[in-house]
């Protein structure tokens, strides 16, 4: 194979090698949303000691 299609470690190069996968993007977005919801007080009614 040519150098264009294979990296020095022997792994094939793809156009999306350094991009986030879909599940990572969904996970990170949901964590950020959960933190924002906690900060906004959306879960205060569920906490029995407040």
N, C-alpha and C. Protein backbone atom coordinates (compact mmCIF):
# COMPACT_ATOMS: atom_id res chain seq x y z
N UNK A 1 0.84 -1.19 0.00
CA UNK A 1 0.00 0.00 0.00
C UNK A 1 0.88 1.25 0.00
N UNK A 2 0.34 2.31 -0.45
CA UNK A 2 1.11 3.55 -0.49
C UNK A 2 1.08 4.24 0.87
N UNK A 3 1.94 5.25 1.03
CA UNK A 3 2.01 5.98 2.29
C UNK A 3 0.72 6.74 2.57
N UNK A 4 -0.02 7.06 1.53
CA UNK A 4 -1.26 7.81 1.70
C UNK A 4 -2.32 6.99 2.44
N UNK A 5 -2.32 5.68 2.25
CA UNK A 5 -3.35 4.84 2.82
C UNK A 5 -2.94 4.15 4.11
N UNK A 6 -1.69 4.25 4.51
CA UNK A 6 -1.26 3.52 5.69
C UNK A 6 -0.35 4.41 6.53
N UNK A 7 -0.59 4.44 7.83
CA UNK A 7 0.23 5.25 8.72
C UNK A 7 1.49 4.48 9.10
N UNK A 8 2.39 5.13 9.84
CA UNK A 8 3.64 4.49 10.24
C UNK A 8 3.40 3.32 11.18
N UNK A 9 2.29 3.32 11.90
CA UNK A 9 1.99 2.22 12.82
C UNK A 9 1.30 1.06 12.12
N UNK A 10 1.03 1.20 10.84
CA UNK A 10 0.40 0.12 10.09
C UNK A 10 -1.11 0.21 10.04
N UNK A 11 -1.70 1.17 10.74
CA UNK A 11 -3.15 1.32 10.74
C UNK A 11 -3.58 2.15 9.54
N UNK A 12 -4.67 1.76 8.89
CA UNK A 12 -5.13 2.54 7.74
C UNK A 12 -5.63 3.91 8.17
N UNK A 13 -5.33 4.93 7.39
CA UNK A 13 -5.79 6.28 7.68
C UNK A 13 -7.20 6.45 7.13
N UNK A 14 -8.03 7.11 7.90
CA UNK A 14 -9.37 7.44 7.42
C UNK A 14 -9.58 8.93 7.56
N UNK A 15 -10.59 9.42 6.91
CA UNK A 15 -10.88 10.85 6.96
C UNK A 15 -11.36 11.27 8.35
N UNK A 16 -11.92 10.32 9.13
CA UNK A 16 -12.50 10.64 10.42
C UNK A 16 -11.69 10.09 11.58
N UNK A 17 -10.41 9.87 11.38
CA UNK A 17 -9.59 9.24 12.41
C UNK A 17 -9.51 10.08 13.68
N UNK A 18 -9.51 11.40 13.56
CA UNK A 18 -9.35 12.25 14.73
C UNK A 18 -10.65 12.90 15.18
N UNK A 19 -11.77 12.50 14.62
CA UNK A 19 -13.05 13.09 14.98
C UNK A 19 -13.74 12.26 16.06
N UNK A 20 -14.67 12.88 16.77
CA UNK A 20 -15.46 12.17 17.76
C UNK A 20 -16.45 11.24 17.07
N UNK A 21 -16.69 10.12 17.69
CA UNK A 21 -17.73 9.24 17.17
C UNK A 21 -19.09 9.78 17.60
N UNK A 22 -20.13 9.25 17.03
CA UNK A 22 -21.48 9.71 17.35
C UNK A 22 -21.82 9.46 18.81
N UNK A 23 -21.47 8.30 19.34
CA UNK A 23 -21.80 8.00 20.73
C UNK A 23 -21.03 8.90 21.69
N UNK A 24 -19.80 9.27 21.34
CA UNK A 24 -19.05 10.20 22.18
C UNK A 24 -19.69 11.58 22.17
N UNK A 25 -20.12 12.03 21.02
CA UNK A 25 -20.76 13.34 20.92
C UNK A 25 -22.06 13.38 21.72
N UNK A 26 -22.85 12.31 21.64
CA UNK A 26 -24.09 12.24 22.40
C UNK A 26 -23.81 12.19 23.89
N UNK A 27 -22.81 11.42 24.28
CA UNK A 27 -22.47 11.29 25.70
C UNK A 27 -22.00 12.62 26.28
N UNK A 28 -21.09 13.28 25.59
CA UNK A 28 -20.57 14.55 26.09
C UNK A 28 -21.68 15.60 26.16
N UNK A 29 -22.54 15.63 25.16
CA UNK A 29 -23.63 16.60 25.14
C UNK A 29 -24.61 16.34 26.28
N UNK A 30 -24.92 15.07 26.54
CA UNK A 30 -25.85 14.75 27.62
C UNK A 30 -25.26 15.07 28.99
N UNK A 31 -23.98 14.87 29.17
CA UNK A 31 -23.34 15.22 30.45
C UNK A 31 -23.38 16.73 30.66
N UNK A 32 -23.08 17.49 29.63
CA UNK A 32 -23.13 18.95 29.73
C UNK A 32 -24.56 19.41 30.04
N UNK A 33 -25.54 18.80 29.39
CA UNK A 33 -26.94 19.14 29.64
C UNK A 33 -27.37 18.78 31.05
N UNK A 34 -26.91 17.64 31.56
CA UNK A 34 -27.23 17.22 32.92
C UNK A 34 -26.64 18.19 33.94
N UNK A 35 -25.40 18.60 33.73
CA UNK A 35 -24.76 19.57 34.63
C UNK A 35 -25.50 20.90 34.59
N UNK A 36 -25.91 21.33 33.41
CA UNK A 36 -26.65 22.58 33.28
C UNK A 36 -28.01 22.49 33.98
N UNK A 37 -28.67 21.34 33.88
CA UNK A 37 -29.96 21.16 34.54
C UNK A 37 -29.80 21.18 36.06
N UNK A 38 -28.74 20.57 36.56
CA UNK A 38 -28.47 20.61 38.00
C UNK A 38 -28.20 22.04 38.45
N UNK A 39 -27.42 22.77 37.68
CA UNK A 39 -27.09 24.15 38.03
C UNK A 39 -28.32 25.05 37.99
N UNK A 40 -29.25 24.75 37.11
CA UNK A 40 -30.47 25.55 36.99
C UNK A 40 -31.50 25.20 38.05
N UNK A 41 -31.26 24.14 38.80
CA UNK A 41 -32.17 23.76 39.87
C UNK A 41 -33.34 22.91 39.43
N UNK A 42 -33.23 22.24 38.31
CA UNK A 42 -34.35 21.43 37.82
C UNK A 42 -34.57 20.16 38.65
N UNK A 43 -33.57 19.78 39.44
CA UNK A 43 -33.70 18.56 40.24
C UNK A 43 -33.92 18.85 41.72
N UNK A 44 -34.15 20.12 42.08
CA UNK A 44 -34.31 20.48 43.48
C UNK A 44 -35.53 19.82 44.12
N UNK A 45 -36.57 19.60 43.37
CA UNK A 45 -37.76 18.95 43.92
C UNK A 45 -37.56 17.49 44.24
N UNK A 46 -36.53 16.90 43.72
CA UNK A 46 -36.27 15.48 43.95
C UNK A 46 -35.36 15.24 45.15
N UNK A 47 -34.81 16.31 45.72
CA UNK A 47 -33.89 16.17 46.84
C UNK A 47 -34.68 16.29 48.14
N UNK A 48 -34.76 15.23 48.94
CA UNK A 48 -35.63 15.25 50.12
C UNK A 48 -35.12 16.12 51.26
N UNK A 49 -33.85 16.44 51.30
CA UNK A 49 -33.31 17.19 52.44
C UNK A 49 -33.27 18.69 52.21
N UNK A 50 -33.88 19.17 51.16
CA UNK A 50 -33.93 20.62 50.94
C UNK A 50 -35.30 21.15 51.27
